[in-house]
Amino acid sequence: MTAKDARVDIKTTKAAKATLEQAAYALGTTLSAFILDCSMPKAREILAQSDLIHLTSKENELFIAALQNPQKANEKLKQLFKKHSIKQDKHNDKD
């Protein structure tokens, strides 16, 4: 079991709190556990959806075309990759 080391406080109406308490009681659980059990799946769903990229048909065609026919790296891009590579090398040396 993971230690509970964070707190969430919410303000609501008395009626909403009573409804939540009744639902928690009906399930034989605490109000906190009920709220967490109900909200965590929705939170995960929202986060999973936020990681998706939604494209129109035209955007999809352009994206596929760019993957299939990548442009050659220009000098500025080559310098950026070189700079990043040097930073990675320095970071890996610390490990």
PDB file of N, CA and C in Angstrom:
ATOM      1  N   MET A   1       0.842  -1.178   0.000  1.00  0.00           N
ATOM      2  CA  MET A   1       0.000   0.000   0.000  1.00  0.00           C
ATOM      3  C   MET A   1       0.889   1.244   0.000  1.00  0.00           C
ATOM      4  N   THR A   2       0.552   2.210  -0.818  1.00  0.00           N
ATOM      5  CA  THR A   2       1.312   3.438  -0.930  1.00  0.00           C
ATOM      6  C   THR A   2       0.898   4.421   0.160  1.00  0.00           C
ATOM      7  N   ALA A   3       1.891   5.078   0.739  1.00  0.00           N
ATOM      8  CA  ALA A   3       1.595   6.077   1.766  1.00  0.00           C
ATOM      9  C   ALA A   3       0.869   7.259   1.137  1.00  0.00           C
ATOM     10  N   LYS A   4      -0.134   7.735   1.793  1.00  0.00           N
ATOM     11  CA  LYS A   4      -0.896   8.892   1.308  1.00  0.00           C
ATOM     12  C   LYS A   4      -0.261  10.139   1.893  1.00  0.00           C
ATOM     13  N   ASP A   5       0.435  10.875   1.040  1.00  0.00           N
ATOM     14  CA  ASP A   5       1.180  12.024   1.521  1.00  0.00           C
ATOM     15  C   ASP A   5       0.776  13.333   0.850  1.00  0.00           C
ATOM     16  N   ALA A   6      -0.391  13.343   0.222  1.00  0.00           N
ATOM     17  CA  ALA A   6      -0.889  14.566  -0.415  1.00  0.00           C
ATOM     18  C   ALA A   6      -2.363  14.727  -0.082  1.00  0.00           C
ATOM     19  N   ARG A   7      -2.806  15.955  -0.109  1.00  0.00           N
ATOM     20  CA  ARG A   7      -4.188  16.253   0.254  1.00  0.00           C
ATOM     21  C   ARG A   7      -4.837  17.075  -0.846  1.00  0.00           C
ATOM     22  N   VAL A   8      -6.128  16.826  -1.090  1.00  0.00           N
ATOM     23  CA  VAL A   8      -6.925  17.598  -2.036  1.00  0.00           C
ATOM     24  C   VAL A   8      -8.143  18.106  -1.284  1.00  0.00           C
ATOM     25  N   ASP A   9      -8.359  19.395  -1.328  1.00  0.00           N
ATOM     26  CA  ASP A   9      -9.525  20.003  -0.684  1.00  0.00           C
ATOM     27  C   ASP A   9     -10.411  20.592  -1.777  1.00  0.00           C
ATOM     28  N   ILE A  10     -11.717  20.355  -1.655  1.00  0.00           N
ATOM     29  CA  ILE A  10     -12.642  20.950  -2.616  1.00  0.00           C
ATOM     30  C   ILE A  10     -13.780  21.632  -1.868  1.00  0.00           C
ATOM     31  N   LYS A  11     -14.293  22.686  -2.455  1.00  0.00           N
ATOM     32  CA  LYS A  11     -15.470  23.369  -1.925  1.00  0.00           C
ATOM     33  C   LYS A  11     -16.659  22.954  -2.779  1.00  0.00           C
ATOM     34  N   THR A  12     -17.773  22.702  -2.131  1.00  0.00           N
ATOM     35  CA  THR A  12     -18.974  22.316  -2.840  1.00  0.00           C
ATOM     36  C   THR A  12     -20.195  22.752  -2.034  1.00  0.00           C
ATOM     37  N   THR A  13     -21.354  22.483  -2.573  1.00  0.00           N
ATOM     38  CA  THR A  13     -22.578  22.808  -1.843  1.00  0.00           C
ATOM     39  C   THR A  13     -22.878  21.703  -0.829  1.00  0.00           C
ATOM     40  N   LYS A  14     -23.704  22.026   0.140  1.00  0.00           N
ATOM     41  CA  LYS A  14     -24.110  21.013   1.120  1.00  0.00           C
ATOM     42  C   LYS A  14     -24.856  19.878   0.434  1.00  0.00           C
ATOM     43  N   ALA A  15     -25.673  20.227  -0.553  1.00  0.00           N
ATOM     44  CA  ALA A  15     -26.448  19.203  -1.265  1.00  0.00           C
ATOM     45  C   ALA A  15     -25.532  18.252  -2.035  1.00  0.00           C
ATOM     46  N   ALA A  16     -24.523  18.806  -2.699  1.00  0.00           N
ATOM     47  CA  ALA A  16     -23.593  17.965  -3.454  1.00  0.00           C
ATOM     48  C   ALA A  16     -22.811  17.063  -2.505  1.00  0.00           C
ATOM     49  N   LYS A  17     -22.368  17.611  -1.386  1.00  0.00           N
ATOM     50  CA  LYS A  17     -21.634  16.809  -0.418  1.00  0.00           C
ATOM     51  C   LYS A  17     -22.509  15.685   0.127  1.00  0.00           C
ATOM     52  N   ALA A  18     -23.760  15.993   0.428  1.00  0.00           N
ATOM     53  CA  ALA A  18     -24.677  14.970   0.946  1.00  0.00           C
ATOM     54  C   ALA A  18     -24.872  13.854  -0.079  1.00  0.00           C
ATOM     55  N   THR A  19     -25.004  14.223  -1.341  1.00  0.00           N
ATOM     56  CA  THR A  19     -25.174  13.227  -2.398  1.00  0.00           C
ATOM     57  C   THR A  19     -23.943  12.333  -2.493  1.00  0.00           C
ATOM     58  N   LEU A  20     -22.776  12.943  -2.461  1.00  0.00           N
ATOM     59  CA  LEU A  20     -21.536  12.168  -2.530  1.00  0.00           C
ATOM     60  C   LEU A  20     -21.391  11.251  -1.316  1.00  0.00           C
ATOM     61  N   GLU A  21     -21.728  11.760  -0.143  1.00  0.00           N
ATOM     62  CA  GLU A  21     -21.648  10.945   1.066  1.00  0.00           C
ATOM     63  C   GLU A  21     -22.619   9.770   1.004  1.00  0.00           C
ATOM     64  N   GLN A  22     -23.826  10.011   0.500  1.00  0.00           N
ATOM     65  CA  GLN A  22     -24.805   8.931   0.382  1.00  0.00           C
ATOM     66  C   GLN A  22     -24.315   7.855  -0.583  1.00  0.00           C
ATOM     67  N   ALA A  23     -23.735   8.278  -1.689  1.00  0.00           N
ATOM     68  CA  ALA A  23     -23.219   7.318  -2.666  1.00  0.00           C
ATOM     69  C   ALA A  23     -22.063   6.521  -2.073  1.00  0.00           C
ATOM     70  N   ALA A  24     -21.169   7.201  -1.356  1.00  0.00           N
ATOM     71  CA  ALA A  24     -20.050   6.510  -0.711  1.00  0.00           C
ATOM     72  C   ALA A  24     -20.563   5.504   0.310  1.00  0.00           C
ATOM     73  N   TYR A  25     -21.538   5.920   1.098  1.00  0.00           N
ATOM     74  CA  TYR A  25     -22.127   5.034   2.108  1.00  0.00           C
ATOM     75  C   TYR A  25     -22.765   3.816   1.457  1.00  0.00           C
ATOM     76  N   ALA A  26     -23.454   4.036   0.332  1.00  0.00           N
ATOM     77  CA  ALA A  26     -24.110   2.937  -0.373  1.00  0.00           C
ATOM     78  C   ALA A  26     -23.096   1.891  -0.847  1.00  0.00           C
ATOM     79  N   LEU A  27     -21.891   2.349  -1.143  1.00  0.00           N
ATOM     80  CA  LEU A  27     -20.836   1.430  -1.583  1.00  0.00           C
ATOM     81  C   LEU A  27     -19.995   0.904  -0.425  1.00  0.00           C
ATOM     82  N   GLY A  28     -20.261   1.426   0.775  1.00  0.00           N
ATOM     83  CA  GLY A  28     -19.506   0.984   1.940  1.00  0.00           C
ATOM     84  C   GLY A  28     -18.084   1.501   1.956  1.00  0.00           C
ATOM     85  N   THR A  29     -17.900   2.706   1.482  1.00  0.00           N
ATOM     86  CA  THR A  29     -16.558   3.284   1.432  1.00  0.00           C
ATOM     87  C   THR A  29     -16.587   4.700   2.006  1.00  0.00           C
ATOM     88  N   THR A  30     -15.428   5.294   2.103  1.00  0.00           N
ATOM     89  CA  THR A  30     -15.348   6.661   2.611  1.00  0.00           C
ATOM     90  C   THR A  30     -15.620   7.649   1.479  1.00  0.00           C
ATOM     91  N   LEU A  31     -15.915   8.877   1.869  1.00  0.00           N
ATOM     92  CA  LEU A  31     -16.144   9.930   0.886  1.00  0.00           C
ATOM     93  C   LEU A  31     -14.886  10.146   0.049  1.00  0.00           C
ATOM     94  N   SER A  32     -13.738  10.201   0.704  1.00  0.00           N
ATOM     95  CA  SER A  32     -12.475  10.407  -0.022  1.00  0.00           C
ATOM     96  C   SER A  32     -12.213   9.286  -1.012  1.00  0.00           C
ATOM     97  N   ALA A  33     -12.383   8.046  -0.558  1.00  0.00           N
ATOM     98  CA  ALA A  33     -12.145   6.906  -1.446  1.00  0.00           C
ATOM     99  C   ALA A  33     -13.128   6.918  -2.616  1.00  0.00           C
ATOM    100  N   PHE A  34     -14.365   7.258  -2.336  1.00  0.00           N
ATOM    101  CA  PHE A  34     -15.379   7.324  -3.402  1.00  0.00           C
ATOM    102  C   PHE A  34     -14.996   8.360  -4.458  1.00  0.00           C
ATOM    103  N   ILE A  35     -14.627   9.551  -4.006  1.00  0.00           N
ATOM    104  CA  ILE A  35     -14.263  10.612  -4.948  1.00  0.00           C
ATOM    105  C   ILE A  35     -13.041  10.203  -5.766  1.00  0.00           C
ATOM    106  N   LEU A  36     -12.035   9.637  -5.116  1.00  0.00           N
ATOM    107  CA  LEU A  36     -10.843   9.190  -5.847  1.00  0.00           C
ATOM    108  C   LEU A  36     -11.171   8.074  -6.836  1.00  0.00           C
ATOM    109  N   ASP A  37     -11.929   7.084  -6.385  1.00  0.00           N
ATOM    110  CA  ASP A  37     -12.274   5.963  -7.256  1.00  0.00           C
ATOM    111  C   ASP A  37     -13.052   6.407  -8.490  1.00  0.00           C
ATOM    112  N   CYS A  38     -13.886   7.412  -8.326  1.00  0.00           N
ATOM    113  CA  CYS A  38     -14.678   7.910  -9.459  1.00  0.00           C
ATOM    114  C   CYS A  38     -13.885   8.846 -10.369  1.00  0.00           C
ATOM    115  N   SER A  39     -12.993   9.622  -9.791  1.00  0.00           N
ATOM    116  CA  SER A  39     -12.298  10.642 -10.585  1.00  0.00           C
ATOM    117  C   SER A  39     -11.027  10.151 -11.267  1.00  0.00           C
ATOM    118  N   MET A  40     -10.335   9.188 -10.693  1.00  0.00           N
ATOM    119  CA  MET A  40      -9.065   8.740 -11.282  1.00  0.00           C
ATOM    120  C   MET A  40      -9.220   8.135 -12.681  1.00  0.00           C
ATOM    121  N   PRO A  41     -10.207   7.275 -12.936  1.00  0.00           N
ATOM    122  CA  PRO A  41     -10.344   6.760 -14.310  1.00  0.00           C
ATOM    123  C   PRO A  41     -10.595   7.879 -15.331  1.00  0.00           C
ATOM    124  N   LYS A  42     -11.396   8.859 -14.953  1.00  0.00           N
ATOM    125  CA  LYS A  42     -11.661   9.988 -15.850  1.00  0.00           C
ATOM    126  C   LYS A  42     -10.397  10.809 -16.066  1.00  0.00           C
ATOM    127  N   ALA A  43      -9.632  11.022 -15.025  1.00  0.00           N
ATOM    128  CA  ALA A  43      -8.381  11.770 -15.148  1.00  0.00           C
ATOM    129  C   ALA A  43      -7.421  11.051 -16.085  1.00  0.00           C
ATOM    130  N   ARG A  44      -7.311   9.723 -15.945  1.00  0.00           N
ATOM    131  CA  ARG A  44      -6.433   8.941 -16.839  1.00  0.00           C
ATOM    132  C   ARG A  44      -6.912   9.007 -18.283  1.00  0.00           C
ATOM    133  N   GLU A  45      -8.222   8.937 -18.475  1.00  0.00           N
ATOM    134  CA  GLU A  45      -8.796   9.028 -19.821  1.00  0.00           C
ATOM    135  C   GLU A  45      -8.462  10.376 -20.460  1.00  0.00           C
ATOM    136  N   ILE A  46      -8.620  11.442 -19.707  1.00  0.00           N
ATOM    137  CA  ILE A  46      -8.329  12.787 -20.221  1.00  0.00           C
ATOM    138  C   ILE A  46      -6.847  12.907 -20.582  1.00  0.00           C
ATOM    139  N   LEU A  47      -5.974  12.400 -19.720  1.00  0.00           N
ATOM    140  CA  LEU A  47      -4.547  12.473 -20.001  1.00  0.00           C
ATOM    141  C   LEU A  47      -4.166  11.637 -21.219  1.00  0.00           C
ATOM    142  N   ALA A  48      -4.773  10.469 -21.366  1.00  0.00           N
ATOM    143  CA  ALA A  48      -4.496   9.638 -22.543  1.00  0.00           C
ATOM    144  C   ALA A  48      -4.947  10.348 -23.813  1.00  0.00           C
ATOM    145  N   GLN A  49      -6.111  10.983 -23.753  1.00  0.00           N
ATOM    146  CA  GLN A  49      -6.614  11.711 -24.917  1.00  0.00           C
ATOM    147  C   GLN A  49      -5.744  12.914 -25.252  1.00  0.00           C
ATOM    148  N   SER A  50      -5.173  13.550 -24.223  1.00  0.00           N
ATOM    149  CA  SER A  50      -4.350  14.733 -24.475  1.00  0.00           C
ATOM    150  C   SER A  50      -3.044  14.362 -25.155  1.00  0.00           C
ATOM    151  N   ASP A  51      -2.644  13.090 -25.074  1.00  0.00           N
ATOM    152  CA  ASP A  51      -1.430  12.630 -25.732  1.00  0.00           C
ATOM    153  C   ASP A  51      -1.661  12.294 -27.205  1.00  0.00           C
ATOM    154  N   LEU A  52      -2.914  12.206 -27.620  1.00  0.00           N
ATOM    155  CA  LEU A  52      -3.233  11.873 -29.002  1.00  0.00           C
ATOM    156  C   LEU A  52      -3.160  13.111 -29.892  1.00  0.00           C
ATOM    157  N   ILE A  53      -2.789  12.892 -31.125  1.00  0.00           N
ATOM    158  CA  ILE A  53      -2.769  13.974 -32.104  1.00  0.00           C
ATOM    159  C   ILE A  53      -3.928  13.715 -33.064  1.00  0.00           C
ATOM    160  N   HIS A  54      -4.803  14.685 -33.180  1.00  0.00           N
ATOM    161  CA  HIS A  54      -5.945  14.558 -34.077  1.00  0.00           C
ATOM    162  C   HIS A  54      -5.670  15.369 -35.333  1.00  0.00           C
ATOM    163  N   LEU A  55      -5.714  14.691 -36.482  1.00  0.00           N
ATOM    164  CA  LEU A  55      -5.438  15.344 -37.756  1.00  0.00           C
ATOM    165  C   LEU A  55      -6.647  15.251 -38.683  1.00  0.00           C
ATOM    166  N   THR A  56      -6.814  16.281 -39.492  1.00  0.00           N
ATOM    167  CA  THR A  56      -7.811  16.203 -40.557  1.00  0.00           C
ATOM    168  C   THR A  56      -7.242  15.292 -41.639  1.00  0.00           C
ATOM    169  N   SER A  57      -8.052  14.929 -42.602  1.00  0.00           N
ATOM    170  CA  SER A  57      -7.581  14.089 -43.704  1.00  0.00           C
ATOM    171  C   SER A  57      -6.422  14.748 -44.434  1.00  0.00           C
ATOM    172  N   LYS A  58      -6.536  16.042 -44.668  1.00  0.00           N
ATOM    173  CA  LYS A  58      -5.478  16.776 -45.374  1.00  0.00           C
ATOM    174  C   LYS A  58      -4.201  16.809 -44.533  1.00  0.00           C
ATOM    175  N   GLU A  59      -4.326  17.083 -43.246  1.00  0.00           N
ATOM    176  CA  GLU A  59      -3.162  17.100 -42.365  1.00  0.00           C
ATOM    177  C   GLU A  59      -2.499  15.728 -42.320  1.00  0.00           C
ATOM    178  N   ASN A  60      -3.314  14.677 -42.299  1.00  0.00           N
ATOM    179  CA  ASN A  60      -2.805  13.312 -42.291  1.00  0.00           C
ATOM    180  C   ASN A  60      -2.004  13.035 -43.569  1.00  0.00           C
ATOM    181  N   GLU A  61      -2.534  13.457 -44.714  1.00  0.00           N
ATOM    182  CA  GLU A  61      -1.832  13.270 -45.983  1.00  0.00           C
ATOM    183  C   GLU A  61      -0.485  13.996 -45.975  1.00  0.00           C
ATOM    184  N   LEU A  62      -0.476  15.235 -45.484  1.00  0.00           N
ATOM    185  CA  LEU A  62       0.763  16.005 -45.424  1.00  0.00           C
ATOM    186  C   LEU A  62       1.778  15.365 -44.476  1.00  0.00           C
ATOM    187  N   PHE A  63       1.296  14.859 -43.363  1.00  0.00           N
ATOM    188  CA  PHE A  63       2.171  14.216 -42.383  1.00  0.00           C
ATOM    189  C   PHE A  63       2.808  12.960 -42.967  1.00  0.00           C
ATOM    190  N   ILE A  64       1.999  12.124 -43.602  1.00  0.00           N
ATOM    191  CA  ILE A  64       2.508  10.891 -44.219  1.00  0.00           C
ATOM    192  C   ILE A  64       3.505  11.231 -45.321  1.00  0.00           C
ATOM    193  N   ALA A  65       3.177  12.235 -46.118  1.00  0.00           N
ATOM    194  CA  ALA A  65       4.079  12.644 -47.204  1.00  0.00           C
ATOM    195  C   ALA A  65       5.418  13.120 -46.632  1.00  0.00           C
ATOM    196  N   ALA A  66       5.382  13.851 -45.536  1.00  0.00           N
ATOM    197  CA  ALA A  66       6.612  14.341 -44.917  1.00  0.00           C
ATOM    198  C   ALA A  66       7.447  13.184 -44.371  1.00  0.00           C
ATOM    199  N   LEU A  67       6.787  12.168 -43.835  1.00  0.00           N
ATOM    200  CA  LEU A  67       7.514  10.998 -43.337  1.00  0.00           C
ATOM    201  C   LEU A  67       8.132  10.197 -44.482  1.00  0.00           C
ATOM    202  N   GLN A  68       7.390  10.083 -45.571  1.00  0.00           N
ATOM    203  CA  GLN A  68       7.864   9.291 -46.708  1.00  0.00           C
ATOM    204  C   GLN A  68       8.922  10.017 -47.528  1.00  0.00           C
ATOM    205  N   ASN A  69       8.902  11.334 -47.521  1.00  0.00           N
ATOM    206  CA  ASN A  69       9.835  12.140 -48.306  1.00  0.00           C
ATOM    207  C   ASN A  69      10.461  13.226 -47.437  1.00  0.00           C
ATOM    208  N   PRO A  70      11.282  12.831 -46.464  1.00  0.00           N
ATOM    209  CA  PRO A  70      11.846  13.848 -45.565  1.00  0.00           C
ATOM    210  C   PRO A  70      12.794  14.780 -46.311  1.00  0.00           C
ATOM    211  N   GLN A  71      12.789  16.025 -45.882  1.00  0.00           N
ATOM    212  CA  GLN A  71      13.706  16.992 -46.464  1.00  0.00           C
ATOM    213  C   GLN A  71      15.109  16.723 -45.937  1.00  0.00           C
ATOM    214  N   LYS A  72      16.098  17.090 -46.715  1.00  0.00           N
ATOM    215  CA  LYS A  72      17.477  16.934 -46.272  1.00  0.00           C
ATOM    216  C   LYS A  72      17.764  17.977 -45.198  1.00  0.00           C
ATOM    217  N   ALA A  73      18.595  17.593 -44.251  1.00  0.00           N
ATOM    218  CA  ALA A  73      18.937  18.494 -43.156  1.00  0.00           C
ATOM    219  C   ALA A  73      19.759  19.667 -43.684  1.00  0.00           C
ATOM    220  N   ASN A  74      19.347  20.880 -43.317  1.00  0.00           N
ATOM    221  CA  ASN A  74      20.123  22.061 -43.683  1.00  0.00           C
ATOM    222  C   ASN A  74      21.208  22.277 -42.634  1.00  0.00           C
ATOM    223  N   GLU A  75      22.057  23.254 -42.853  1.00  0.00           N
ATOM    224  CA  GLU A  75      23.203  23.488 -41.976  1.00  0.00           C
ATOM    225  C   GLU A  75      22.761  23.827 -40.551  1.00  0.00           C
ATOM    226  N   LYS A  76      21.695  24.602 -40.419  1.00  0.00           N
ATOM    227  CA  LYS A  76      21.212  24.989 -39.096  1.00  0.00           C
ATOM    228  C   LYS A  76      20.746  23.750 -38.310  1.00  0.00           C
ATOM    229  N   LEU A  77      20.067  22.845 -38.972  1.00  0.00           N
ATOM    230  CA  LEU A  77      19.600  21.626 -38.320  1.00  0.00           C
ATOM    231  C   LEU A  77      20.788  20.739 -37.939  1.00  0.00           C
ATOM    232  N   LYS A  78      21.755  20.635 -38.810  1.00  0.00           N
ATOM    233  CA  LYS A  78      22.947  19.842 -38.506  1.00  0.00           C
ATOM    234  C   LYS A  78      23.661  20.389 -37.269  1.00  0.00           C
ATOM    235  N   GLN A  79      23.757  21.719 -37.156  1.00  0.00           N
ATOM    236  CA  GLN A  79      24.398  22.340 -35.998  1.00  0.00           C
ATOM    237  C   GLN A  79      23.608  22.048 -34.719  1.00  0.00           C
ATOM    238  N   LEU A  80      22.292  22.080 -34.841  1.00  0.00           N
ATOM    239  CA  LEU A  80      21.447  21.796 -33.688  1.00  0.00           C
ATOM    240  C   LEU A  80      21.644  20.362 -33.207  1.00  0.00           C
ATOM    241  N   PHE A  81      21.684  19.413 -34.142  1.00  0.00           N
ATOM    242  CA  PHE A  81      21.914  18.021 -33.767  1.00  0.00           C
ATOM    243  C   PHE A  81      23.288  17.851 -33.128  1.00  0.00           C
ATOM    244  N   LYS A  82      24.287  18.520 -33.671  1.00  0.00           N
ATOM    245  CA  LYS A  82      25.634  18.436 -33.130  1.00  0.00           C
ATOM    246  C   LYS A  82      25.664  18.998 -31.706  1.00  0.00           C
ATOM    247  N   LYS A  83      25.010  20.134 -31.501  1.00  0.00           N
ATOM    248  CA  LYS A  83      24.946  20.759 -30.182  1.00  0.00           C
ATOM    249  C   LYS A  83      24.263  19.830 -29.181  1.00  0.00           C
ATOM    250  N   HIS A  84      23.157  19.229 -29.595  1.00  0.00           N
ATOM    251  CA  HIS A  84      22.421  18.308 -28.727  1.00  0.00           C
ATOM    252  C   HIS A  84      23.272  17.077 -28.419  1.00  0.00           C
ATOM    253  N   SER A  85      23.969  16.576 -29.411  1.00  0.00           N
ATOM    254  CA  SER A  85      24.813  15.405 -29.231  1.00  0.00           C
ATOM    255  C   SER A  85      25.910  15.681 -28.215  1.00  0.00           C
ATOM    256  N   ILE A  86      26.510  16.859 -28.265  1.00  0.00           N
ATOM    257  CA  ILE A  86      27.554  17.228 -27.315  1.00  0.00           C
ATOM    258  C   ILE A  86      26.986  17.292 -25.900  1.00  0.00           C
ATOM    259  N   LYS A  87      25.788  17.867 -25.747  1.00  0.00           N
ATOM    260  CA  LYS A  87      25.146  17.941 -24.428  1.00  0.00           C
ATOM    261  C   LYS A  87      24.871  16.538 -23.893  1.00  0.00           C
ATOM    262  N   GLN A  88      24.393  15.647 -24.760  1.00  0.00           N
ATOM    263  CA  GLN A  88      24.112  14.270 -24.355  1.00  0.00           C
ATOM    264  C   GLN A  88      25.396  13.567 -23.919  1.00  0.00           C
ATOM    265  N   ASP A  89      26.482  13.778 -24.661  1.00  0.00           N
ATOM    266  CA  ASP A  89      27.753  13.161 -24.299  1.00  0.00           C
ATOM    267  C   ASP A  89      28.208  13.615 -22.912  1.00  0.00           C
ATOM    268  N   LYS A  90      28.088  14.915 -22.639  1.00  0.00           N
ATOM    269  CA  LYS A  90      28.485  15.451 -21.336  1.00  0.00           C
ATOM    270  C   LYS A  90      27.602  14.866 -20.228  1.00  0.00           C
ATOM    271  N   HIS A  91      26.300  14.744 -20.529  1.00  0.00           N
ATOM    272  CA  HIS A  91      25.358  14.191 -19.546  1.00  0.00           C
ATOM    273  C   HIS A  91      25.678  12.730 -19.273  1.00  0.00           C
ATOM    274  N   ASN A  92      25.996  11.966 -20.300  1.00  0.00           N
ATOM    275  CA  ASN A  92      26.290  10.552 -20.136  1.00  0.00           C
ATOM    276  C   ASN A  92      27.610  10.323 -19.403  1.00  0.00           C
ATOM    277  N   ASP A  93      28.543  11.255 -19.528  1.00  0.00           N
ATOM    278  CA  ASP A  93      29.811  11.145 -18.824  1.00  0.00           C
ATOM    279  C   ASP A  93      29.624  11.244 -17.307  1.00  0.00           C
ATOM    280  N   LYS A  94      28.559  11.959 -16.880  1.00  0.00           N
ATOM    281  CA  LYS A  94      28.295  12.123 -15.439  1.00  0.00           C
ATOM    282  C   LYS A  94      27.763  10.841 -14.820  1.00  0.00           C
ATOM    283  N   ASP A  95      27.149   9.979 -15.622  1.00  0.00           N
ATOM    284  CA  ASP A  95      26.525   8.750 -15.101  1.00  0.00           C
ATOM    285  C   ASP A  95      27.511   7.724 -14.677  1.00  0.00           C
TER     286      ASP A  95
END
